[in-house]
Amino acid sequence: MSPAVKWWSRLSAAVTGMVLTLVVPVHAWAASTGADGLILEAAKSRRSRGFGFLPILGGLCCLVVVGGIVLALVLIAKKRKRR
Protein backbone atom coordinates (compact mmCIF):
# COMPACT_ATOMS: atom_id res chain seq x y z
CA MET A 1 0.00 0.00 0.00
CA SER A 2 1.40 3.37 -0.94
CA PRO A 3 2.20 5.98 1.72
CA ALA A 4 -0.44 8.32 0.29
CA VAL A 5 -3.17 5.70 0.75
CA LYS A 6 -2.02 4.97 4.29
CA TRP A 7 -2.00 8.68 5.10
CA TRP A 8 -5.44 9.20 3.56
CA SER A 9 -6.97 6.25 5.45
CA ARG A 10 -5.52 7.47 8.75
CA LEU A 11 -6.80 10.98 8.11
CA SER A 12 -10.26 9.63 7.24
CA ALA A 13 -10.35 7.55 10.41
CA ALA A 14 -9.29 10.55 12.51
CA VAL A 15 -11.91 12.85 10.98
CA THR A 16 -14.63 10.20 11.37
CA GLY A 17 -13.65 9.74 15.01
CA MET A 18 -13.73 13.48 15.68
CA VAL A 19 -17.14 13.85 14.05
CA LEU A 20 -18.59 10.96 16.06
CA THR A 21 -17.00 12.35 19.22
CA LEU A 22 -18.92 15.57 18.71
CA VAL A 23 -22.20 14.23 17.28
CA VAL A 24 -23.01 11.47 19.78
CA PRO A 25 -22.81 13.59 22.98
CA VAL A 26 -24.67 16.49 21.37
CA HIS A 27 -27.44 14.14 20.29
CA ALA A 28 -27.66 12.65 23.79
CA TRP A 29 -27.79 16.12 25.34
CA ALA A 30 -30.50 17.28 22.96
CA ALA A 31 -32.60 14.21 23.73
CA SER A 32 -32.29 14.67 27.49
CA THR A 33 -32.87 18.42 27.91
CA GLY A 34 -36.28 18.71 26.35
CA ALA A 35 -34.93 20.28 23.18
CA ASP A 36 -37.14 17.92 21.21
CA GLY A 37 -40.21 19.75 22.55
CA LEU A 38 -38.78 23.07 21.43
CA ILE A 39 -38.06 21.69 17.98
CA LEU A 40 -41.58 20.29 17.67
CA GLU A 41 -43.12 23.60 18.73
CA ALA A 42 -40.96 25.48 16.23
CA ALA A 43 -41.98 23.07 13.48
CA LYS A 44 -45.68 23.43 14.32
CA SER A 45 -45.61 27.21 14.45
CA ARG A 46 -43.69 27.57 11.20
CA ARG A 47 -45.81 28.57 8.25
CA SER A 48 -45.76 26.31 5.25
CA ARG A 49 -44.25 28.24 2.39
CA GLY A 50 -44.18 25.45 -0.12
CA PHE A 51 -41.22 23.34 -1.09
CA GLY A 52 -38.28 25.70 -1.12
CA PHE A 53 -34.67 25.25 -2.16
CA LEU A 54 -33.30 24.87 1.38
CA PRO A 55 -34.73 21.38 2.11
CA ILE A 56 -33.00 20.08 -1.00
CA LEU A 57 -29.64 21.34 0.26
CA GLY A 58 -30.27 19.81 3.69
CA GLY A 59 -31.09 16.46 2.15
CA LEU A 60 -28.05 16.62 -0.11
CA CYS A 61 -25.80 17.41 2.83
CA CYS A 62 -27.23 14.46 4.76
CA LEU A 63 -26.63 12.13 1.82
CA VAL A 64 -23.02 13.33 1.51
CA VAL A 65 -22.37 12.68 5.20
CA VAL A 66 -23.95 9.23 5.11
CA GLY A 67 -22.04 8.42 1.92
CA GLY A 68 -18.77 9.48 3.55
CA ILE A 69 -19.40 7.25 6.55
CA VAL A 70 -20.29 4.30 4.31
CA LEU A 71 -17.18 4.91 2.20
CA ALA A 72 -14.99 4.98 5.31
CA LEU A 73 -16.47 1.70 6.52
CA VAL A 74 -16.01 0.05 3.11
CA LEU A 75 -12.39 1.16 2.92
CA ILE A 76 -11.71 -0.13 6.43
CA ALA A 77 -13.35 -3.47 5.59
CA LYS A 78 -11.32 -3.85 2.39
CA LYS A 79 -8.13 -3.07 4.26
CA ARG A 80 -8.86 -5.79 6.80
CA LYS A 81 -9.60 -8.37 4.07
CA ARG A 82 -6.21 -7.84 2.42
CA ARG A 83 -4.28 -8.95 5.49
PDB file of N, CA and C in Angstrom:
ATOM      1  N   MET A   1       0.852  -1.166   0.000  1.00  0.00           N
ATOM      2  CA  MET A   1       0.000   0.000   0.000  1.00  0.00           C
ATOM      3  C   MET A   1       0.904   1.237   0.000  1.00  0.00           C
ATOM      4  N   SER A   2       0.563   2.187  -0.817  1.00  0.00           N
ATOM      5  CA  SER A   2       1.401   3.373  -0.941  1.00  0.00           C
ATOM      6  C   SER A   2       1.269   4.259   0.299  1.00  0.00           C
ATOM      7  N   PRO A   3       2.273   5.081   0.560  1.00  0.00           N
ATOM      8  CA  PRO A   3       2.199   5.976   1.720  1.00  0.00           C
ATOM      9  C   PRO A   3       1.036   6.965   1.641  1.00  0.00           C
ATOM     10  N   ALA A   4       0.672   7.373   0.426  1.00  0.00           N
ATOM     11  CA  ALA A   4      -0.437   8.316   0.292  1.00  0.00           C
ATOM     12  C   ALA A   4      -1.755   7.665   0.725  1.00  0.00           C
ATOM     13  N   VAL A   5      -1.942   6.396   0.367  1.00  0.00           N
ATOM     14  CA  VAL A   5      -3.169   5.700   0.747  1.00  0.00           C
ATOM     15  C   VAL A   5      -3.207   5.482   2.257  1.00  0.00           C
ATOM     16  N   LYS A   6      -2.079   5.141   2.836  1.00  0.00           N
ATOM     17  CA  LYS A   6      -2.019   4.973   4.295  1.00  0.00           C
ATOM     18  C   LYS A   6      -2.341   6.287   4.995  1.00  0.00           C
ATOM     19  N   TRP A   7      -1.765   7.367   4.495  1.00  0.00           N
ATOM     20  CA  TRP A   7      -1.998   8.682   5.098  1.00  0.00           C
ATOM     21  C   TRP A   7      -3.461   9.073   4.971  1.00  0.00           C
ATOM     22  N   TRP A   8      -4.039   8.842   3.795  1.00  0.00           N
ATOM     23  CA  TRP A   8      -5.442   9.197   3.560  1.00  0.00           C
ATOM     24  C   TRP A   8      -6.372   8.376   4.459  1.00  0.00           C
ATOM     25  N   SER A   9      -6.102   7.089   4.614  1.00  0.00           N
ATOM     26  CA  SER A   9      -6.969   6.254   5.453  1.00  0.00           C
ATOM     27  C   SER A   9      -6.866   6.654   6.913  1.00  0.00           C
ATOM     28  N   ARG A  10      -5.673   7.012   7.356  1.00  0.00           N
ATOM     29  CA  ARG A  10      -5.515   7.470   8.747  1.00  0.00           C
ATOM     30  C   ARG A  10      -6.219   8.796   8.971  1.00  0.00           C
ATOM     31  N   LEU A  11      -6.121   9.695   7.996  1.00  0.00           N
ATOM     32  CA  LEU A  11      -6.799  10.980   8.109  1.00  0.00           C
ATOM     33  C   LEU A  11      -8.314  10.782   8.119  1.00  0.00           C
ATOM     34  N   SER A  12      -8.814   9.905   7.275  1.00  0.00           N
ATOM     35  CA  SER A  12     -10.258   9.628   7.238  1.00  0.00           C
ATOM     36  C   SER A  12     -10.735   9.052   8.560  1.00  0.00           C
ATOM     37  N   ALA A  13      -9.970   8.144   9.125  1.00  0.00           N
ATOM     38  CA  ALA A  13     -10.349   7.552  10.411  1.00  0.00           C
ATOM     39  C   ALA A  13     -10.346   8.604  11.516  1.00  0.00           C
ATOM     40  N   ALA A  14      -9.367   9.500  11.487  1.00  0.00           N
ATOM     41  CA  ALA A  14      -9.293  10.546  12.511  1.00  0.00           C
ATOM     42  C   ALA A  14     -10.460  11.518  12.396  1.00  0.00           C
ATOM     43  N   VAL A  15     -10.796  11.919  11.175  1.00  0.00           N
ATOM     44  CA  VAL A  15     -11.911  12.849  10.975  1.00  0.00           C
ATOM     45  C   VAL A  15     -13.230  12.186  11.368  1.00  0.00           C
ATOM     46  N   THR A  16     -13.410  10.922  10.995  1.00  0.00           N
ATOM     47  CA  THR A  16     -14.627  10.198  11.374  1.00  0.00           C
ATOM     48  C   THR A  16     -14.740  10.090  12.887  1.00  0.00           C
ATOM     49  N   GLY A  17     -13.644   9.807  13.546  1.00  0.00           N
ATOM     50  CA  GLY A  17     -13.648   9.737  15.013  1.00  0.00           C
ATOM     51  C   GLY A  17     -13.987  11.064  15.655  1.00  0.00           C
ATOM     52  N   MET A  18     -13.431  12.161  15.120  1.00  0.00           N
ATOM     53  CA  MET A  18     -13.733  13.479  15.675  1.00  0.00           C
ATOM     54  C   MET A  18     -15.201  13.831  15.482  1.00  0.00           C
ATOM     55  N   VAL A  19     -15.733  13.532  14.313  1.00  0.00           N
ATOM     56  CA  VAL A  19     -17.140  13.847  14.048  1.00  0.00           C
ATOM     57  C   VAL A  19     -18.043  13.057  14.990  1.00  0.00           C
ATOM     58  N   LEU A  20     -17.777  11.772  15.157  1.00  0.00           N
ATOM     59  CA  LEU A  20     -18.591  10.964  16.056  1.00  0.00           C
ATOM     60  C   LEU A  20     -18.424  11.403  17.507  1.00  0.00           C
ATOM     61  N   THR A  21     -17.231  11.857  17.868  1.00  0.00           N
ATOM     62  CA  THR A  21     -17.001  12.346  19.223  1.00  0.00           C
ATOM     63  C   THR A  21     -17.854  13.570  19.514  1.00  0.00           C
ATOM     64  N   LEU A  22     -18.100  14.377  18.512  1.00  0.00           N
ATOM     65  CA  LEU A  22     -18.925  15.566  18.707  1.00  0.00           C
ATOM     66  C   LEU A  22     -20.409  15.276  18.553  1.00  0.00           C
ATOM     67  N   VAL A  23     -20.785  14.434  17.605  1.00  0.00           N
ATOM     68  CA  VAL A  23     -22.197  14.233  17.284  1.00  0.00           C
ATOM     69  C   VAL A  23     -22.921  13.417  18.351  1.00  0.00           C
ATOM     70  N   VAL A  24     -22.320  12.357  18.842  1.00  0.00           N
ATOM     71  CA  VAL A  24     -23.008  11.473  19.783  1.00  0.00           C
ATOM     72  C   VAL A  24     -23.350  12.189  21.092  1.00  0.00           C
ATOM     73  N   PRO A  25     -22.424  12.894  21.744  1.00  0.00           N
ATOM     74  CA  PRO A  25     -22.809  13.592  22.984  1.00  0.00           C
ATOM     75  C   PRO A  25     -23.825  14.712  22.762  1.00  0.00           C
ATOM     76  N   VAL A  26     -23.712  15.419  21.655  1.00  0.00           N
ATOM     77  CA  VAL A  26     -24.673  16.490  21.372  1.00  0.00           C
ATOM     78  C   VAL A  26     -26.063  15.900  21.171  1.00  0.00           C
ATOM     79  N   HIS A  27     -26.144  14.790  20.492  1.00  0.00           N
ATOM     80  CA  HIS A  27     -27.442  14.140  20.292  1.00  0.00           C
ATOM     81  C   HIS A  27     -28.015  13.675  21.634  1.00  0.00           C
ATOM     82  N   ALA A  28     -27.184  13.101  22.485  1.00  0.00           N
ATOM     83  CA  ALA A  28     -27.659  12.646  23.791  1.00  0.00           C
ATOM     84  C   ALA A  28     -28.124  13.829  24.638  1.00  0.00           C
ATOM     85  N   TRP A  29     -27.391  14.931  24.589  1.00  0.00           N
ATOM     86  CA  TRP A  29     -27.789  16.116  25.342  1.00  0.00           C
ATOM     87  C   TRP A  29     -29.109  16.667  24.830  1.00  0.00           C
ATOM     88  N   ALA A  30     -29.271  16.743  23.527  1.00  0.00           N
ATOM     89  CA  ALA A  30     -30.502  17.282  22.958  1.00  0.00           C
ATOM     90  C   ALA A  30     -31.698  16.409  23.311  1.00  0.00           C
ATOM     91  N   ALA A  31     -31.494  15.108  23.400  1.00  0.00           N
ATOM     92  CA  ALA A  31     -32.596  14.212  23.734  1.00  0.00           C
ATOM     93  C   ALA A  31     -32.969  14.295  25.205  1.00  0.00           C
ATOM     94  N   SER A  32     -32.027  14.684  26.062  1.00  0.00           N
ATOM     95  CA  SER A  32     -32.292  14.667  27.493  1.00  0.00           C
ATOM     96  C   SER A  32     -32.722  16.017  28.061  1.00  0.00           C
ATOM     97  N   THR A  33     -32.566  17.106  27.343  1.00  0.00           N
ATOM     98  CA  THR A  33     -32.865  18.422  27.909  1.00  0.00           C
ATOM     99  C   THR A  33     -34.197  18.986  27.469  1.00  0.00           C
ATOM    100  N   GLY A  34     -34.993  18.218  26.781  1.00  0.00           N
ATOM    101  CA  GLY A  34     -36.282  18.715  26.345  1.00  0.00           C
ATOM    102  C   GLY A  34     -36.206  19.555  25.089  1.00  0.00           C
ATOM    103  N   ALA A  35     -35.075  19.509  24.409  1.00  0.00           N
ATOM    104  CA  ALA A  35     -34.930  20.277  23.176  1.00  0.00           C
ATOM    105  C   ALA A  35     -35.847  19.742  22.087  1.00  0.00           C
ATOM    106  N   ASP A  36     -36.240  18.474  22.221  1.00  0.00           N
ATOM    107  CA  ASP A  36     -37.141  17.919  21.215  1.00  0.00           C
ATOM    108  C   ASP A  36     -38.499  18.616  21.251  1.00  0.00           C
ATOM    109  N   GLY A  37     -38.956  19.010  22.450  1.00  0.00           N
ATOM    110  CA  GLY A  37     -40.215  19.750  22.546  1.00  0.00           C
ATOM    111  C   GLY A  37     -40.120  21.109  21.889  1.00  0.00           C
ATOM    112  N   LEU A  38     -38.976  21.769  22.063  1.00  0.00           N
ATOM    113  CA  LEU A  38     -38.781  23.067  21.426  1.00  0.00           C
ATOM    114  C   LEU A  38     -38.764  22.941  19.910  1.00  0.00           C
ATOM    115  N   ILE A  39     -38.143  21.902  19.430  1.00  0.00           N
ATOM    116  CA  ILE A  39     -38.063  21.691  17.982  1.00  0.00           C
ATOM    117  C   ILE A  39     -39.453  21.408  17.413  1.00  0.00           C
ATOM    118  N   LEU A  40     -40.227  20.597  18.133  1.00  0.00           N
ATOM    119  CA  LEU A  40     -41.579  20.290  17.665  1.00  0.00           C
ATOM    120  C   LEU A  40     -42.455  21.538  17.656  1.00  0.00           C
ATOM    121  N   GLU A  41     -42.341  22.364  18.696  1.00  0.00           N
ATOM    122  CA  GLU A  41     -43.121  23.599  18.733  1.00  0.00           C
ATOM    123  C   GLU A  41     -42.731  24.539  17.590  1.00  0.00           C
ATOM    124  N   ALA A  42     -41.430  24.618  17.318  1.00  0.00           N
ATOM    125  CA  ALA A  42     -40.964  25.476  16.230  1.00  0.00           C
ATOM    126  C   ALA A  42     -41.473  24.959  14.883  1.00  0.00           C
ATOM    127  N   ALA A  43     -41.499  23.651  14.731  1.00  0.00           N
ATOM    128  CA  ALA A  43     -41.977  23.073  13.478  1.00  0.00           C
ATOM    129  C   ALA A  43     -43.479  23.295  13.310  1.00  0.00           C
ATOM    130  N   LYS A  44     -44.232  23.232  14.403  1.00  0.00           N
ATOM    131  CA  LYS A  44     -45.680  23.430  14.316  1.00  0.00           C
ATOM    132  C   LYS A  44     -46.029  24.883  14.020  1.00  0.00           C
ATOM    133  N   SER A  45     -45.278  25.807  14.618  1.00  0.00           N
ATOM    134  CA  SER A  45     -45.614  27.212  14.451  1.00  0.00           C
ATOM    135  C   SER A  45     -45.102  27.793  13.129  1.00  0.00           C
ATOM    136  N   ARG A  46     -44.252  27.079  12.459  1.00  0.00           N
ATOM    137  CA  ARG A  46     -43.690  27.567  11.199  1.00  0.00           C
ATOM    138  C   ARG A  46     -44.739  27.509  10.098  1.00  0.00           C
ATOM    139  N   ARG A  47     -44.854  28.547   9.356  1.00  0.00           N
ATOM    140  CA  ARG A  47     -45.811  28.574   8.251  1.00  0.00           C
ATOM    141  C   ARG A  47     -45.288  27.740   7.100  1.00  0.00           C
ATOM    142  N   SER A  48     -46.188  27.080   6.420  1.00  0.00           N
ATOM    143  CA  SER A  48     -45.762  26.307   5.253  1.00  0.00           C
ATOM    144  C   SER A  48     -45.662  27.250   4.057  1.00  0.00           C
ATOM    145  N   ARG A  49     -44.509  27.337   3.513  1.00  0.00           N
ATOM    146  CA  ARG A  49     -44.248  28.236   2.385  1.00  0.00           C
ATOM    147  C   ARG A  49     -44.027  27.465   1.101  1.00  0.00           C
ATOM    148  N   GLY A  50     -44.426  26.246   1.067  1.00  0.00           N
ATOM    149  CA  GLY A  50     -44.176  25.448  -0.124  1.00  0.00           C
ATOM    150  C   GLY A  50     -42.842  24.738  -0.018  1.00  0.00           C
ATOM    151  N   PHE A  51     -42.481  24.090  -1.066  1.00  0.00           N
ATOM    152  CA  PHE A  51     -41.224  23.340  -1.087  1.00  0.00           C
ATOM    153  C   PHE A  51     -40.127  24.252  -1.621  1.00  0.00           C
ATOM    154  N   GLY A  52     -39.322  24.772  -0.728  1.00  0.00           N
ATOM    155  CA  GLY A  52     -38.276  25.702  -1.120  1.00  0.00           C
ATOM    156  C   GLY A  52     -37.002  25.002  -1.535  1.00  0.00           C
ATOM    157  N   PHE A  53     -35.967  25.775  -1.729  1.00  0.00           N
ATOM    158  CA  PHE A  53     -34.674  25.251  -2.165  1.00  0.00           C
ATOM    159  C   PHE A  53     -33.856  24.723  -0.996  1.00  0.00           C
ATOM    160  N   LEU A  54     -34.088  25.249   0.206  1.00  0.00           N
ATOM    161  CA  LEU A  54     -33.299  24.873   1.376  1.00  0.00           C
ATOM    162  C   LEU A  54     -33.451  23.410   1.770  1.00  0.00           C
ATOM    163  N   PRO A  55     -34.641  22.809   1.762  1.00  0.00           N
ATOM    164  CA  PRO A  55     -34.727  21.383   2.112  1.00  0.00           C
ATOM    165  C   PRO A  55     -33.925  20.486   1.179  1.00  0.00           C
ATOM    166  N   ILE A  56     -33.791  20.878  -0.061  1.00  0.00           N
ATOM    167  CA  ILE A  56     -33.001  20.077  -1.000  1.00  0.00           C
ATOM    168  C   ILE A  56     -31.534  20.088  -0.584  1.00  0.00           C
ATOM    169  N   LEU A  57     -31.034  21.249  -0.182  1.00  0.00           N
ATOM    170  CA  LEU A  57     -29.639  21.340   0.261  1.00  0.00           C
ATOM    171  C   LEU A  57     -29.415  20.544   1.539  1.00  0.00           C
ATOM    172  N   GLY A  58     -30.384  20.581   2.455  1.00  0.00           N
ATOM    173  CA  GLY A  58     -30.265  19.811   3.687  1.00  0.00           C
ATOM    174  C   GLY A  58     -30.223  18.318   3.408  1.00  0.00           C
ATOM    175  N   GLY A  59     -31.088  17.869   2.513  1.00  0.00           N
ATOM    176  CA  GLY A  59     -31.093  16.456   2.154  1.00  0.00           C
ATOM    177  C   GLY A  59     -29.816  16.039   1.448  1.00  0.00           C
ATOM    178  N   LEU A  60     -29.301  16.910   0.600  1.00  0.00           N
ATOM    179  CA  LEU A  60     -28.053  16.619  -0.112  1.00  0.00           C
ATOM    180  C   LEU A  60     -26.885  16.537   0.863  1.00  0.00           C
ATOM    181  N   CYS A  61     -26.856  17.430   1.817  1.00  0.00           N
ATOM    182  CA  CYS A  61     -25.795  17.406   2.830  1.00  0.00           C
ATOM    183  C   CYS A  61     -25.857  16.108   3.630  1.00  0.00           C
ATOM    184  N   CYS A  62     -27.061  15.700   3.998  1.00  0.00           N
ATOM    185  CA  CYS A  62     -27.232  14.463   4.759  1.00  0.00           C
ATOM    186  C   CYS A  62     -26.748  13.263   3.945  1.00  0.00           C
ATOM    187  N   LEU A  63     -27.076  13.233   2.674  1.00  0.00           N
ATOM    188  CA  LEU A  63     -26.628  12.134   1.822  1.00  0.00           C
ATOM    189  C   LEU A  63     -25.110  12.100   1.688  1.00  0.00           C
ATOM    190  N   VAL A  64     -24.484  13.272   1.613  1.00  0.00           N
ATOM    191  CA  VAL A  64     -23.025  13.328   1.510  1.00  0.00           C
ATOM    192  C   VAL A  64     -22.378  12.790   2.783  1.00  0.00           C
ATOM    193  N   VAL A  65     -22.923  13.157   3.931  1.00  0.00           N
ATOM    194  CA  VAL A  65     -22.368  12.685   5.203  1.00  0.00           C
ATOM    195  C   VAL A  65     -22.533  11.176   5.336  1.00  0.00           C
ATOM    196  N   VAL A  66     -23.721  10.677   5.030  1.00  0.00           N
ATOM    197  CA  VAL A  66     -23.954   9.231   5.107  1.00  0.00           C
ATOM    198  C   VAL A  66     -23.067   8.501   4.117  1.00  0.00           C
ATOM    199  N   GLY A  67     -22.922   9.036   2.918  1.00  0.00           N
ATOM    200  CA  GLY A  67     -22.041   8.420   1.924  1.00  0.00           C
ATOM    201  C   GLY A  67     -20.589   8.389   2.380  1.00  0.00           C
ATOM    202  N   GLY A  68     -20.144   9.452   3.028  1.00  0.00           N
ATOM    203  CA  GLY A  68     -18.771   9.481   3.553  1.00  0.00           C
ATOM    204  C   GLY A  68     -18.548   8.428   4.623  1.00  0.00           C
ATOM    205  N   ILE A  69     -19.525   8.263   5.498  1.00  0.00           N
ATOM    206  CA  ILE A  69     -19.399   7.247   6.551  1.00  0.00           C
ATOM    207  C   ILE A  69     -19.384   5.853   5.939  1.00  0.00           C
ATOM    208  N   VAL A  70     -20.263   5.612   4.976  1.00  0.00           N
ATOM    209  CA  VAL A  70     -20.294   4.296   4.313  1.00  0.00           C
ATOM    210  C   VAL A  70     -18.983   4.048   3.577  1.00  0.00           C
ATOM    211  N   LEU A  71     -18.460   5.058   2.902  1.00  0.00           N
ATOM    212  CA  LEU A  71     -17.181   4.910   2.195  1.00  0.00           C
ATOM    213  C   LEU A  71     -16.051   4.589   3.166  1.00  0.00           C
ATOM    214  N   ALA A  72     -16.023   5.261   4.306  1.00  0.00           N
ATOM    215  CA  ALA A  72     -14.988   4.984   5.307  1.00  0.00           C
ATOM    216  C   ALA A  72     -15.091   3.545   5.803  1.00  0.00           C
ATOM    217  N   LEU A  73     -16.308   3.076   6.051  1.00  0.00           N
ATOM    218  CA  LEU A  73     -16.474   1.697   6.515  1.00  0.00           C
ATOM    219  C   LEU A  73     -16.064   0.689   5.451  1.00  0.00           C
ATOM    220  N   VAL A  74     -16.388   0.965   4.193  1.00  0.00           N
ATOM    221  CA  VAL A  74     -16.011   0.049   3.112  1.00  0.00           C
ATOM    222  C   VAL A  74     -14.495  -0.002   2.966  1.00  0.00           C
ATOM    223  N   LEU A  75     -13.843   1.136   3.036  1.00  0.00           N
ATOM    224  CA  LEU A  75     -12.385   1.161   2.923  1.00  0.00           C
ATOM    225  C   LEU A  75     -11.721   0.420   4.079  1.00  0.00           C
ATOM    226  N   ILE A  76     -12.259   0.583   5.272  1.00  0.00           N
ATOM    227  CA  ILE A  76     -11.706  -0.128   6.429  1.00  0.00           C
ATOM    228  C   ILE A  76     -11.911  -1.639   6.259  1.00  0.00           C
ATOM    229  N   ALA A  77     -13.079  -2.049   5.792  1.00  0.00           N
ATOM    230  CA  ALA A  77     -13.352  -3.473   5.594  1.00  0.00           C
ATOM    231  C   ALA A  77     -12.436  -4.059   4.528  1.00  0.00           C
ATOM    232  N   LYS A  78     -12.223  -3.341   3.440  1.00  0.00           N
ATOM    233  CA  LYS A  78     -11.321  -3.851   2.391  1.00  0.00           C
ATOM    234  C   LYS A  78      -9.893  -3.964   2.902  1.00  0.00           C
ATOM    235  N   LYS A  79      -9.485  -3.024   3.717  1.00  0.00           N
ATOM    236  CA  LYS A  79      -8.132  -3.069   4.260  1.00  0.00           C
ATOM    237  C   LYS A  79      -7.955  -4.279   5.151  1.00  0.00           C
ATOM    238  N   ARG A  80      -8.960  -4.636   5.919  1.00  0.00           N
ATOM    239  CA  ARG A  80      -8.855  -5.792   6.799  1.00  0.00           C
ATOM    240  C   ARG A  80      -8.862  -7.098   6.018  1.00  0.00           C
ATOM    241  N   LYS A  81      -9.559  -7.156   4.879  1.00  0.00           N
ATOM    242  CA  LYS A  81      -9.604  -8.368   4.073  1.00  0.00           C
ATOM    243  C   LYS A  81      -8.265  -8.672   3.433  1.00  0.00           C
ATOM    244  N   ARG A  82      -7.500  -7.649   3.115  1.00  0.00           N
ATOM    245  CA  ARG A  82      -6.210  -7.840   2.424  1.00  0.00           C
ATOM    246  C   ARG A  82      -5.176  -8.494   3.312  1.00  0.00           C
ATOM    247  N   ARG A  83      -5.300  -8.392   4.591  1.00  0.00           N
ATOM    248  CA  ARG A  83      -4.278  -8.946   5.494  1.00  0.00           C
ATOM    249  C   ARG A  83      -4.324 -10.422   5.592  1.00  0.00           C
TER     250      ARG A  83
END
